Protein backbone atom coordinates (compact mmCIF):
# COMPACT_ATOMS: atom_id res chain seq x y z
CA MET A 1 0.00 0.00 0.00
CA ARG A 2 1.75 3.10 -1.31
CA ALA A 3 0.69 6.56 -2.38
CA GLY A 4 -0.02 6.47 -6.11
CA ASP A 5 -1.23 2.85 -6.14
CA ALA A 6 -4.30 2.40 -8.36
CA LEU A 7 -7.16 0.12 -7.38
CA ALA A 8 -8.57 -2.16 -10.06
CA PRO A 9 -11.80 -0.77 -11.54
CA LEU A 10 -15.11 -2.29 -10.45
CA GLU A 11 -18.06 -2.30 -12.87
CA ILE A 12 -21.49 -2.30 -11.25
CA PRO A 13 -24.55 -2.78 -13.48
CA ILE A 14 -27.28 -0.38 -12.32
CA THR A 15 -30.52 -2.35 -12.25
CA ARG A 16 -33.98 -1.45 -11.02
CA THR A 17 -33.61 -4.16 -8.41
CA LEU A 18 -30.34 -2.68 -7.11
CA ILE A 19 -31.86 0.80 -6.87
CA VAL A 20 -35.08 -0.31 -5.15
CA ALA A 21 -33.39 -2.85 -2.86
CA GLY A 22 -30.77 -0.30 -1.79
CA ALA A 23 -33.45 2.27 -1.00
CA ILE A 24 -35.51 -0.22 0.99
CA ALA A 25 -32.48 -1.60 2.84
CA SER A 26 -31.50 1.92 3.90
CA ARG A 27 -35.11 2.80 4.80
CA ASP A 28 -35.26 5.52 2.17
CA TYR A 29 -38.84 5.38 0.94
CA GLN A 30 -38.64 8.48 -1.29
CA ASP A 31 -40.77 7.72 -4.34
CA VAL A 32 -38.03 8.75 -6.80
CA HIS A 33 -36.13 5.60 -5.77
CA HIS A 34 -38.90 3.10 -6.53
CA ASP A 35 -41.82 4.62 -8.49
CA THR A 36 -41.13 5.43 -12.14
CA GLU A 37 -44.35 7.41 -12.68
CA LEU A 38 -43.81 9.62 -9.63
CA ALA A 39 -40.15 10.09 -10.61
CA HIS A 40 -41.38 11.29 -14.03
CA GLN A 41 -43.86 13.69 -12.37
CA LYS A 42 -40.94 15.17 -10.40
CA GLY A 43 -38.91 15.75 -13.57
CA SER A 44 -36.65 12.68 -13.56
CA PRO A 45 -36.47 10.40 -16.60
CA ASP A 46 -36.56 7.35 -14.29
CA ILE A 47 -36.00 6.20 -10.73
CA PHE A 48 -32.44 6.77 -9.47
CA MET A 49 -30.05 5.45 -6.84
CA ASN A 50 -29.96 7.03 -3.38
CA ILE A 51 -26.80 8.25 -1.67
CA LEU A 52 -26.90 5.54 0.99
CA THR A 53 -26.68 2.81 -1.65
CA THR A 54 -23.84 4.67 -3.34
CA ASN A 55 -22.07 5.00 0.01
CA GLY A 56 -22.39 1.25 0.57
CA LEU A 57 -21.02 0.46 -2.90
CA VAL A 58 -18.03 2.76 -2.32
CA GLY A 59 -17.36 0.97 0.99
CA ARG A 60 -17.63 -2.41 -0.73
CA TYR A 61 -15.16 -1.26 -3.40
CA ILE A 62 -12.59 -0.35 -0.76
CA THR A 63 -13.02 -3.48 1.37
CA ASP A 64 -13.01 -5.73 -1.71
CA HIS A 65 -9.59 -4.27 -2.54
CA PHE A 66 -8.01 -4.14 0.92
CA GLY A 67 -9.56 -7.31 2.33
CA PRO A 68 -11.90 -8.40 5.11
CA THR A 69 -9.80 -6.91 7.92
CA ALA A 70 -9.92 -3.40 6.42
CA VAL A 71 -11.72 -0.86 8.61
CA LEU A 72 -13.39 2.14 7.00
CA ARG A 73 -12.54 5.17 9.15
CA LYS A 74 -14.14 7.92 7.07
CA VAL A 75 -16.17 8.04 3.87
CA ALA A 76 -16.64 11.52 2.40
CA ILE A 77 -18.52 11.45 -0.90
CA ARG A 78 -20.45 13.82 -3.11
CA LEU A 79 -23.06 12.84 -5.70
CA GLY A 80 -23.12 14.15 -9.25
CA ALA A 81 -24.82 12.52 -12.25
CA PRO A 82 -27.66 10.18 -11.20
CA ASN A 83 -27.39 6.40 -11.52
CA TYR A 84 -30.38 5.29 -13.62
CA PRO A 85 -31.43 1.72 -14.44
CA GLY A 86 -29.68 0.23 -17.46
CA ASP A 87 -26.39 2.08 -16.97
CA THR A 88 -23.12 0.82 -15.50
CA MET A 89 -21.14 2.61 -12.83
CA VAL A 90 -17.39 2.07 -12.92
CA LEU A 91 -15.61 2.72 -9.64
CA THR A 92 -11.92 3.63 -9.76
CA GLY A 93 -9.56 4.61 -6.99
CA ARG A 94 -6.05 5.79 -6.25
CA VAL A 95 -4.20 5.84 -2.93
CA GLU A 96 -3.44 9.48 -2.18
CA ASP A 97 -1.66 9.17 1.16
CA VAL A 98 -0.41 6.47 3.51
CA ASP A 99 0.32 6.98 7.20
CA GLY A 100 1.36 3.70 8.84
CA ASP A 101 -1.50 1.25 8.38
CA THR A 102 -3.98 3.95 7.27
CA ALA A 103 -4.53 5.12 3.71
CA THR A 104 -6.61 7.82 2.08
CA VAL A 105 -8.07 6.71 -1.23
CA ARG A 106 -9.61 9.04 -3.83
CA VAL A 107 -12.64 7.34 -5.40
CA VAL A 108 -14.61 8.18 -8.55
CA GLY A 109 -17.69 6.37 -9.80
CA ALA A 110 -18.61 7.25 -13.38
CA ASN A 111 -21.59 6.24 -15.49
CA GLY A 112 -22.72 6.98 -19.04
CA ILE A 113 -23.67 10.58 -18.28
CA GLY A 114 -20.80 11.62 -16.01
CA LYS A 115 -19.34 11.26 -12.55
CA HIS A 116 -21.94 9.80 -10.20
CA VAL A 117 -19.78 9.93 -7.08
CA THR A 118 -16.47 11.51 -6.09
CA GLY A 119 -14.75 11.57 -2.75
CA THR A 120 -12.23 10.07 -0.39
CA VAL A 121 -12.19 7.08 1.90
CA THR A 122 -9.86 6.67 4.86
CA VAL A 123 -9.16 3.01 5.55
CA THR A 124 -7.01 1.19 8.09
CA VAL A 125 -5.46 -2.15 7.15
CA PRO A 126 -3.63 -4.11 9.85
CA ALA A 127 0.06 -4.54 8.97
CA GLY A 128 1.09 -7.82 7.40
CA GLU A 129 -2.31 -8.73 6.00
CA PRO A 130 -1.78 -10.92 2.92
CA SER A 131 -4.68 -9.24 1.08
CA VAL A 132 -2.65 -6.01 0.85
CA ILE A 133 0.58 -7.50 -0.51
CA ALA A 134 -0.53 -7.57 -4.16
CA SER A 135 -0.18 -4.02 -5.47
CA THR A 136 -1.83 -2.69 -8.59
CA GLU A 137 0.66 0.16 -8.92
CA GLY A 138 1.03 1.43 -12.44
CA ARG A 139 -2.53 0.68 -13.53
CA ALA A 140 -4.55 3.56 -14.88
């Protein structure tokens, strides 16, 4: 784990089921996350993903990379372009800073219309964990 290391991209198909299940699981019953007609009435072309689902997917991306012992210390994200059904979000990341067993990772999640999510995640990985040994340094 070194500053500049790139994380392998993760492609996430955005399905209606993912959007609705994420909203329900996070107790977000806003109609724009499950009712197409009401989303249309509010000016949206379709239902769209909520921030809590996005936050969970960003966390998954980091822990998938750093392993099951990784501890998320801080997740600071901002939403941009909505995630609509039928699109794919591609998460990418780069280690910005390392301090001992803690890293700050810049994360971007882009879809067909732009950047859905941008931000940073601070993660602690216990020293000597085998899941961290394989570096992806040099990948774009």
